[in-house]
Amino acid sequence: MSGLPDVQNEKSRIPLSLDEVGVTGLIKRVRITKGRSELSLIPRISAFINLPREQRGVHLSRSSETIESIVEDITYSPVGSIEELCRKMLARLLEKHDYADKARVLLEGPIVLDVRAGESEVKRQKACTLHVEARAAKKEGKIETRVFLGVGVEGMTACPCAQELVKDYAESMIRKRAEELSLSEDAIRRILNLIPLASHSQRCIGFLTVEVRDGSIDISELVKIIEDSMSGVIHDVLKRPDEANLVRLVHLNPLFVEDVARLIILNTLTRLKQISDDDIIEVRVESIESVHPHNAVAYRRAKVGDLRKELQGGGGA
């Protein structure tokens, strides 16, 4: 078998390097174990390396074997985080492909978390979207890695603009009958501040990606940040009292898609104390509009330090 030709190692007929060559769409079962908790994933995995100008091809089977071997390894010795899993894959890819000095890994797919739903605190499962990108580069004999951990979560928003229009209409109707009902100016204001006012509401999808240079970040914390930045949290099943309470709370906290994006950024900076000024966060929010045939989107990608400076009034985008 050793006499078989190694076509990939042949000299390239066109001396141009390639940024990435790899495999996509590998579907594997992955277990993440931390303490007594265990997370089971079935992500789509992609793996890439760069190709030098003088080499004709990449040994793609080595990339697939790398993923397979690491997934097999963690079956018996589980890793404690997705970030750790990605770092292992990157190191193994560069070890197997000694002609490459850069590697990239993607993990994408659904993730199901156990949550407590509504005021009744009933235990439910909540599906979110996972997107992880990890990169590695050889520099002076060392491997530098960057991991970007991302989740997508659905929530609910109510429109502030439509609600103000409804409030204006409600106020005009009350004033027409103010004398008949013996309502003072103060009473009118109190009524308008007390009763829930209608608006159009819709599902809203928030995506948050955070760079993790060292250690790891709890996925459930990212999910919580997104959910807490919406008008309300949605669930597959809600009892009638919980549903009524959700609608009430959503209309007490109306938010534009722009508001949600800014809140996600602010909550990320406030809660994730471990992220440094050089780390990057990316936020994208899409509102699935209920009264329009189009959706509304807000987006921001920036270094943490730039965002902190901007919040302190030091300029920015």
Protein backbone atom coordinates (compact mmCIF):
# COMPACT_ATOMS: atom_id res chain seq x y z
CA MET A 1 0.00 0.00 0.00
CA SER A 2 2.92 2.33 0.66
CA GLY A 3 3.69 2.35 -3.05
CA LEU A 4 0.43 4.10 -4.00
CA PRO A 5 0.92 7.51 -5.62
CA ASP A 6 0.29 10.58 -3.45
CA VAL A 7 -1.31 12.89 -6.01
CA GLN A 8 -2.13 15.59 -3.46
CA ASN A 9 1.57 16.02 -2.69
CA GLU A 10 2.41 16.69 -6.32
CA LYS A 11 3.69 20.13 -7.23
CA SER A 12 0.92 22.50 -8.25
CA ARG A 13 0.88 23.30 -11.96
CA ILE A 14 -0.47 26.76 -11.09
CA PRO A 15 1.60 28.27 -8.25
CA LEU A 16 -1.22 29.98 -6.35
CA SER A 17 -2.06 29.49 -2.69
CA LEU A 18 -5.66 28.91 -1.54
CA ASP A 19 -7.15 30.43 1.59
CA GLU A 20 -9.28 27.40 2.42
CA VAL A 21 -9.82 23.84 1.28
CA GLY A 22 -11.89 21.45 3.32
CA VAL A 23 -14.98 19.40 3.97
CA THR A 24 -18.50 20.54 4.86
CA GLY A 25 -21.69 18.98 6.12
CA LEU A 26 -20.28 16.32 8.45
CA ILE A 27 -23.07 15.43 10.89
CA LYS A 28 -21.92 14.00 14.21
CA ARG A 29 -23.29 13.45 17.70
CA VAL A 30 -21.32 15.41 20.28
CA ARG A 31 -21.52 15.29 24.09
CA ILE A 32 -20.46 18.21 26.25
CA THR A 33 -20.18 17.37 29.95
CA LYS A 34 -19.61 19.89 32.72
CA GLY A 35 -20.06 18.69 36.28
CA ARG A 36 -23.39 16.92 36.50
CA SER A 37 -24.87 18.59 33.44
CA GLU A 38 -24.62 17.15 29.95
CA LEU A 39 -25.39 18.73 26.60
CA SER A 40 -26.00 16.54 23.57
CA LEU A 41 -25.62 18.07 20.10
CA ILE A 42 -25.91 16.84 16.53
CA PRO A 43 -24.22 19.68 14.64
CA ARG A 44 -23.15 20.01 11.03
CA ILE A 45 -19.38 20.28 11.13
CA SER A 46 -17.11 21.84 8.52
CA ALA A 47 -13.31 21.88 8.61
CA PHE A 48 -10.85 23.84 6.47
CA ILE A 49 -7.11 24.45 6.13
CA ASN A 50 -5.09 26.71 3.86
CA LEU A 51 -3.08 25.28 0.96
CA PRO A 52 0.45 26.49 0.05
CA ARG A 53 1.09 27.60 -3.53
CA GLU A 54 3.46 24.75 -4.31
CA GLN A 55 1.18 21.87 -3.23
CA ARG A 56 -1.45 20.53 -5.60
CA GLY A 57 -4.07 19.30 -3.15
CA VAL A 58 -5.23 18.73 0.41
CA HIS A 59 -5.59 15.28 1.96
CA LEU A 60 -9.30 15.73 2.64
CA SER A 61 -9.69 12.32 4.27
CA ARG A 62 -7.41 13.52 7.05
CA SER A 63 -9.85 16.32 7.86
CA SER A 64 -12.79 13.91 8.05
CA GLU A 65 -10.71 11.47 10.10
CA THR A 66 -9.74 14.27 12.46
CA ILE A 67 -13.37 15.13 13.18
CA GLU A 68 -14.27 11.46 13.52
CA SER A 69 -11.41 10.69 15.90
CA ILE A 70 -12.09 13.65 18.18
CA VAL A 71 -15.81 12.91 18.33
CA GLU A 72 -14.89 9.31 19.20
CA ASP A 73 -12.40 10.51 21.84
CA ILE A 74 -14.93 12.67 23.66
CA THR A 75 -17.37 9.76 23.78
CA TYR A 76 -15.05 8.25 26.36
CA SER A 77 -13.46 11.45 27.70
CA PRO A 78 -16.10 14.19 27.32
CA VAL A 79 -15.01 17.81 26.95
CA GLY A 80 -16.38 20.51 29.21
CA SER A 81 -17.29 23.07 26.57
CA ILE A 82 -17.87 23.58 22.86
CA GLU A 83 -14.91 25.96 22.82
CA GLU A 84 -12.62 23.19 24.11
CA LEU A 85 -13.94 20.82 21.45
CA CYS A 86 -13.18 23.34 18.69
CA ARG A 87 -9.67 23.99 19.99
CA LYS A 88 -8.96 20.25 19.94
CA MET A 89 -10.19 20.00 16.35
CA LEU A 90 -8.03 22.93 15.23
CA ALA A 91 -4.89 21.56 16.85
CA ARG A 92 -5.45 18.11 15.35
CA LEU A 93 -6.10 19.55 11.87
CA LEU A 94 -2.81 21.44 11.88
CA GLU A 95 -1.03 18.36 13.22
CA LYS A 96 -2.43 16.13 10.45
CA HIS A 97 -1.82 18.71 7.71
CA ASP A 98 1.74 19.77 8.49
CA TYR A 99 1.94 21.82 5.28
CA ALA A 100 -0.85 24.15 6.48
CA ASP A 101 -0.47 27.01 8.96
CA LYS A 102 -4.14 28.00 9.25
CA ALA A 103 -7.30 26.07 10.09
CA ARG A 104 -10.97 26.86 10.57
CA VAL A 105 -13.86 24.83 12.02
CA LEU A 106 -17.61 25.49 11.93
CA LEU A 107 -20.30 23.86 14.09
CA GLU A 108 -23.91 24.66 13.24
CA GLY A 109 -27.24 23.20 14.22
CA PRO A 110 -30.10 23.13 16.73
CA ILE A 111 -29.50 22.94 20.44
CA VAL A 112 -32.16 22.06 23.02
CA LEU A 113 -31.99 23.47 26.54
CA ASP A 114 -34.11 22.72 29.61
CA VAL A 115 -35.92 25.85 30.82
CA ARG A 116 -38.69 26.90 33.19
CA ALA A 117 -41.69 28.36 31.35
CA GLY A 118 -44.05 31.07 32.58
CA GLU A 119 -44.98 31.99 36.14
CA SER A 120 -45.94 28.37 36.76
CA GLU A 121 -42.25 27.46 36.27
CA VAL A 122 -43.13 24.27 34.39
CA LYS A 123 -40.02 22.52 33.02
CA ARG A 124 -39.91 22.66 29.21
CA GLN A 125 -37.45 22.13 26.38
CA LYS A 126 -36.38 25.17 24.37
CA ALA A 127 -34.78 24.89 20.93
CA CYS A 128 -32.16 27.44 19.87
CA THR A 129 -29.71 27.71 16.99
CA LEU A 130 -26.00 27.15 17.56
CA HIS A 131 -23.29 28.67 15.36
CA VAL A 132 -19.65 28.32 16.36
CA GLU A 133 -16.65 29.39 14.30
CA ALA A 134 -13.10 28.65 15.43
CA ARG A 135 -9.84 29.67 13.75
CA ALA A 136 -6.22 28.77 14.37
CA ALA A 137 -2.92 30.04 13.02
CA LYS A 138 0.65 28.84 13.53
CA LYS A 139 2.89 31.69 14.65
CA GLU A 140 6.51 31.19 15.71
CA GLY A 141 5.94 27.56 16.61
CA LYS A 142 2.79 28.25 18.62
CA ILE A 143 -0.87 27.86 17.70
CA GLU A 144 -3.08 30.88 18.31
CA THR A 145 -6.82 30.18 18.37
CA ARG A 146 -9.93 32.35 18.23
CA VAL A 147 -13.37 30.93 18.99
CA PHE A 148 -16.64 32.73 18.20
CA LEU A 149 -19.59 31.25 20.10
CA GLY A 150 -23.00 32.18 18.73
CA VAL A 151 -26.66 31.39 19.45
CA GLY A 152 -29.95 32.37 17.85
CA VAL A 153 -33.06 32.69 20.02
CA GLU A 154 -36.66 33.62 19.30
CA GLY A 155 -38.58 36.08 21.45
CA MET A 156 -41.48 38.50 21.10
CA THR A 157 -41.77 42.27 20.65
CA ALA A 158 -44.55 44.84 20.55
CA CYS A 159 -44.27 48.00 18.43
CA PRO A 160 -43.86 51.25 20.44
CA CYS A 161 -44.99 53.44 17.53
CA ALA A 162 -48.31 51.65 16.96
CA GLN A 163 -48.93 51.63 20.71
CA GLU A 164 -48.52 55.41 20.94
CA LEU A 165 -51.02 55.82 18.10
CA VAL A 166 -53.50 53.60 19.95
CA LYS A 167 -52.85 55.55 23.16
CA ASP A 168 -53.57 58.81 21.36
CA TYR A 169 -56.84 57.38 20.02
CA ALA A 170 -57.82 55.99 23.44
CA GLU A 171 -57.12 59.34 25.08
CA SER A 172 -59.30 61.18 22.57
CA MET A 173 -62.17 58.73 23.19
CA ILE A 174 -61.87 59.10 26.98
CA ARG A 175 -61.78 62.88 26.76
CA LYS A 176 -65.01 62.90 24.76
CA ARG A 177 -66.71 61.23 27.74
CA ALA A 178 -64.65 62.81 30.52
CA GLU A 179 -67.43 65.11 31.68
CA GLU A 180 -70.04 62.34 31.50
CA LEU A 181 -67.81 60.02 33.56
CA SER A 182 -66.55 62.79 35.87
CA LEU A 183 -62.91 62.18 34.96
CA SER A 184 -60.24 64.71 35.89
CA GLU A 185 -56.99 65.25 33.93
CA ASP A 186 -55.15 63.25 36.57
CA ALA A 187 -57.67 60.40 36.33
CA ILE A 188 -57.31 60.27 32.53
CA ARG A 189 -53.51 60.01 32.81
CA ARG A 190 -53.79 57.31 35.47
CA ILE A 191 -56.20 55.27 33.35
CA LEU A 192 -53.92 55.46 30.30
CA ASN A 193 -50.92 54.38 32.38
CA LEU A 194 -52.83 51.55 34.05
CA ILE A 195 -54.58 49.65 31.28
CA PRO A 196 -52.68 47.59 28.67
CA LEU A 197 -52.72 49.37 25.32
CA ALA A 198 -52.88 47.46 22.04
CA SER A 199 -50.11 47.31 19.45
CA HIS A 200 -49.01 44.88 16.80
CA SER A 201 -46.73 42.16 18.16
CA GLN A 202 -44.50 39.62 16.45
CA ARG A 203 -41.83 37.00 16.90
CA CYS A 204 -38.32 38.38 16.87
CA ILE A 205 -35.10 36.42 16.33
CA GLY A 206 -31.93 37.55 18.08
CA PHE A 207 -28.46 36.31 17.16
CA LEU A 208 -25.51 36.92 19.48
CA THR A 209 -21.92 35.87 18.79
CA VAL A 210 -19.14 36.44 21.32
CA GLU A 211 -15.43 35.88 20.85
CA VAL A 212 -13.96 33.55 23.48
CA ARG A 213 -10.16 33.69 23.51
CA ASP A 214 -9.66 31.64 26.66
CA GLY A 215 -11.93 29.43 28.72
CA SER A 216 -15.60 29.18 27.87
CA ILE A 217 -18.96 30.93 28.11
CA ASP A 218 -22.15 29.19 29.22
CA ILE A 219 -24.49 28.92 26.23
CA SER A 220 -27.51 29.34 28.48
CA GLU A 221 -26.13 32.73 29.56
CA LEU A 222 -26.10 33.92 25.94
CA VAL A 223 -29.66 32.66 25.53
CA LYS A 224 -30.72 34.54 28.68
CA ILE A 225 -29.10 37.76 27.44
CA ILE A 226 -31.08 37.63 24.19
CA GLU A 227 -34.37 36.72 25.88
CA ASP A 228 -34.01 39.47 28.49
CA SER A 229 -33.48 41.99 25.69
CA MET A 230 -36.88 41.26 24.08
CA SER A 231 -40.33 42.50 25.05
CA GLY A 232 -41.17 38.95 26.14
CA VAL A 233 -40.05 35.31 26.15
CA ILE A 234 -41.96 32.77 24.06
CA HIS A 235 -42.47 29.05 24.76
CA ASP A 236 -43.91 26.07 22.90
CA VAL A 237 -46.63 25.58 25.51
CA LEU A 238 -48.26 28.18 27.77
CA LYS A 239 -51.16 27.75 30.16
CA ARG A 240 -53.89 30.37 29.78
CA PRO A 241 -52.78 32.47 32.78
CA ASP A 242 -49.18 32.43 31.49
CA GLU A 243 -50.30 33.40 27.99
CA ALA A 244 -52.37 36.31 29.31
CA ASN A 245 -49.46 37.46 31.46
CA LEU A 246 -47.03 37.25 28.54
CA VAL A 247 -49.24 39.41 26.32
CA ARG A 248 -49.67 41.94 29.14
CA LEU A 249 -45.93 42.14 29.86
CA VAL A 250 -45.00 42.41 26.18
CA HIS A 251 -47.28 45.43 25.75
CA LEU A 252 -45.86 47.03 28.89
CA ASN A 253 -42.39 46.76 27.35
CA PRO A 254 -42.73 47.69 23.64
CA LEU A 255 -39.43 47.64 21.71
CA PHE A 256 -38.21 48.42 18.21
CA VAL A 257 -35.80 45.98 16.58
CA GLU A 258 -33.17 48.70 17.13
CA ASP A 259 -33.93 48.71 20.86
CA VAL A 260 -33.50 44.95 21.07
CA ALA A 261 -30.12 45.04 19.30
CA ARG A 262 -28.82 47.76 21.61
CA LEU A 263 -30.11 45.96 24.70
CA ILE A 264 -28.38 42.72 23.66
CA ILE A 265 -25.10 44.62 23.32
CA LEU A 266 -25.55 46.40 26.66
CA ASN A 267 -26.53 43.22 28.51
CA THR A 268 -23.58 41.35 26.99
CA LEU A 269 -21.11 44.00 28.15
CA THR A 270 -22.72 44.15 31.59
CA ARG A 271 -23.01 40.43 32.31
CA LEU A 272 -20.01 38.86 30.59
CA LYS A 273 -17.24 40.29 32.74
CA GLN A 274 -14.66 37.90 31.28
CA ILE A 275 -14.65 39.37 27.77
CA SER A 276 -11.77 41.74 27.00
CA ASP A 277 -11.62 44.97 25.01
CA ASP A 278 -10.04 43.15 22.05
CA ASP A 279 -12.79 40.53 21.82
CA ILE A 280 -15.44 40.91 19.13
CA ILE A 281 -19.19 40.64 19.57
CA GLU A 282 -21.73 40.45 16.77
CA VAL A 283 -25.46 41.09 17.12
CA ARG A 284 -28.21 40.65 14.56
CA VAL A 285 -31.91 41.01 15.27
CA GLU A 286 -34.71 40.25 12.81
CA SER A 287 -38.32 41.15 13.53
CA ILE A 288 -40.85 39.00 11.66
CA GLU A 289 -43.29 41.83 11.07
CA SER A 290 -46.98 41.05 11.50
CA VAL A 291 -48.45 44.13 9.77
CA HIS A 292 -45.93 44.39 6.92
CA PRO A 293 -44.93 42.01 4.11
CA HIS A 294 -41.27 42.62 4.97
CA ASN A 295 -39.09 42.04 8.03
CA ALA A 296 -37.04 44.57 10.01
CA VAL A 297 -33.35 43.97 10.77
CA ALA A 298 -30.72 45.60 13.01
CA TYR A 299 -27.02 44.63 13.08
CA ARG A 300 -23.76 45.55 14.81
CA ARG A 301 -20.29 43.97 14.89
CA ALA A 302 -17.52 45.61 16.89
CA LYS A 303 -14.72 45.18 19.38
CA VAL A 304 -15.81 45.20 23.01
CA GLY A 305 -13.49 48.10 23.82
CA ASP A 306 -14.99 50.26 21.07
CA LEU A 307 -18.51 49.56 22.34
CA ARG A 308 -17.55 50.40 25.93
CA LYS A 309 -15.96 53.64 24.77
CA GLU A 310 -19.02 54.54 22.72
CA LEU A 311 -21.34 53.95 25.69
CA GLN A 312 -19.18 56.26 27.79
CA GLY A 313 -19.56 59.03 25.21
CA GLY A 314 -16.15 58.58 23.68
CA GLY A 315 -17.31 58.43 20.08
CA GLY A 316 -17.71 55.44 17.80
CA ALA A 317 -19.69 54.31 14.80
